[in-house]
Amino acid sequence: MRTRYAAYAKKETDYLVRTTAPQQQFKGLAASIDESNRWVQWIQLEIHETISGSAKDKKGIVAFSATFSENGHFQILRERSRFLKIANQWFYLDGIISP
């Protein structure tokens, strides 16, 4: 989770695509990530909860808040993300964004 946040902050689209679960990758994923990051500056990550996700697990959940600035306006993204471990590597599966 933290590495994906850092990748968003550094605009490392290739890493974000590589760490997205294969079943969630689609043509245009990289362009979509680039477009969403075009005007965004990521500022802070706060992890609220983790469920599973240890070395022995195959699934994990991370609830977090990420503060960002978009066009000079500060906002907070709150999400509960699901991750899968495939071949000993963690992949982002999906997330539910809280209002």
Protein backbone atom coordinates (compact mmCIF):
# COMPACT_ATOMS: atom_id res chain seq x y z
CA MET A 1 0.00 0.00 0.00
CA ARG A 2 2.65 2.50 0.98
CA THR A 3 4.66 1.76 -2.15
CA ARG A 4 1.64 2.45 -4.34
CA TYR A 5 1.00 5.75 -2.55
CA ALA A 6 4.66 6.68 -3.07
CA ALA A 7 4.33 5.72 -6.74
CA TYR A 8 1.30 8.01 -7.10
CA ALA A 9 3.21 10.82 -5.38
CA LYS A 10 6.21 10.31 -7.68
CA LYS A 11 3.96 9.74 -10.73
CA GLU A 12 5.48 6.28 -11.37
CA THR A 13 2.70 5.00 -13.60
CA ASP A 14 4.56 1.86 -14.73
CA TYR A 15 4.84 0.65 -11.12
CA LEU A 16 1.15 1.33 -10.51
CA VAL A 17 0.16 -0.68 -13.58
CA ARG A 18 2.52 -3.54 -12.63
CA THR A 19 1.06 -3.73 -9.11
CA THR A 20 -2.56 -3.74 -10.23
CA ALA A 21 -4.16 -7.20 -10.18
CA PRO A 22 -4.10 -8.74 -13.67
CA GLN A 23 -7.91 -9.03 -13.76
CA GLN A 24 -8.17 -5.27 -13.16
CA GLN A 25 -5.70 -4.20 -15.83
CA PHE A 26 -7.29 -2.82 -18.95
CA LYS A 27 -6.13 -1.14 -22.12
CA GLY A 28 -5.67 2.49 -21.24
CA LEU A 29 -4.98 1.91 -17.53
CA ALA A 30 -1.68 3.81 -17.71
CA ALA A 31 -3.32 6.73 -19.52
CA SER A 32 -6.11 6.77 -16.94
CA ILE A 33 -3.59 6.91 -14.07
CA ASP A 34 -1.62 9.64 -15.83
CA GLU A 35 -4.76 11.70 -16.41
CA SER A 36 -5.92 11.38 -12.79
CA ASN A 37 -2.46 12.45 -11.60
CA ARG A 38 -2.11 15.35 -14.03
CA TRP A 39 -3.23 18.09 -11.64
CA VAL A 40 -2.83 16.23 -8.33
CA GLN A 41 -0.09 16.58 -5.74
CA TRP A 42 -0.16 13.87 -3.06
CA ILE A 43 0.67 15.22 0.38
CA GLN A 44 0.09 12.67 3.13
CA LEU A 45 -0.97 9.07 3.71
CA GLU A 46 -2.58 7.82 6.90
CA ILE A 47 -3.29 4.12 7.39
CA HIS A 48 -6.34 3.53 9.60
CA GLU A 49 -6.68 -0.25 9.54
CA THR A 50 -5.13 -3.34 8.04
CA ILE A 51 -6.79 -6.73 7.91
CA SER A 52 -4.60 -9.69 7.07
CA GLY A 53 -1.88 -8.92 4.53
CA SER A 54 0.99 -10.60 6.35
CA ALA A 55 3.60 -12.78 4.67
CA LYS A 56 1.45 -15.91 5.12
CA ASP A 57 -1.78 -14.34 3.81
CA LYS A 58 -3.09 -14.35 0.25
CA LYS A 59 -5.49 -11.42 0.73
CA GLY A 60 -5.38 -8.16 2.63
CA ILE A 61 -7.38 -5.02 3.25
CA VAL A 62 -6.07 -1.54 3.98
CA ALA A 63 -8.26 1.39 5.05
CA PHE A 64 -6.55 4.74 4.55
CA SER A 65 -6.88 8.47 4.02
CA ALA A 66 -4.70 10.29 1.51
CA THR A 67 -4.50 14.06 1.51
CA PHE A 68 -3.91 15.72 -1.84
CA SER A 69 -4.09 19.04 -3.58
CA GLU A 70 -5.85 19.38 -6.92
CA ASN A 71 -5.63 22.73 -8.66
CA GLY A 72 -4.79 24.34 -5.32
CA HIS A 73 -7.72 22.79 -3.43
CA PHE A 74 -6.94 20.39 -0.58
CA GLN A 75 -8.99 17.21 -0.42
CA ILE A 76 -8.93 13.85 1.35
CA LEU A 77 -9.43 10.50 -0.36
CA ARG A 78 -10.74 7.80 2.00
CA GLU A 79 -10.62 4.27 0.67
CA ARG A 80 -10.81 0.66 1.82
CA SER A 81 -8.57 -1.23 -0.61
CA ARG A 82 -8.35 -4.95 -1.28
CA PHE A 83 -5.07 -6.61 -2.21
CA LEU A 84 -4.22 -10.09 -3.50
CA LYS A 85 -0.93 -11.94 -3.26
CA ILE A 86 -0.03 -13.75 -6.49
CA ALA A 87 3.29 -15.58 -6.84
CA ASN A 88 4.50 -13.98 -3.60
CA GLN A 89 3.76 -10.39 -4.76
CA TRP A 90 0.98 -8.07 -3.61
CA PHE A 91 -1.40 -6.56 -6.17
CA TYR A 92 -4.12 -3.92 -5.79
CA LEU A 93 -7.48 -5.51 -6.58
CA ASP A 94 -10.02 -2.75 -5.94
CA GLY A 95 -11.27 -0.30 -3.38
CA ILE A 96 -14.37 1.31 -1.99
CA ILE A 97 -14.14 5.08 -1.70
CA SER A 98 -15.90 6.64 1.28
CA PRO A 99 -17.79 9.90 0.88
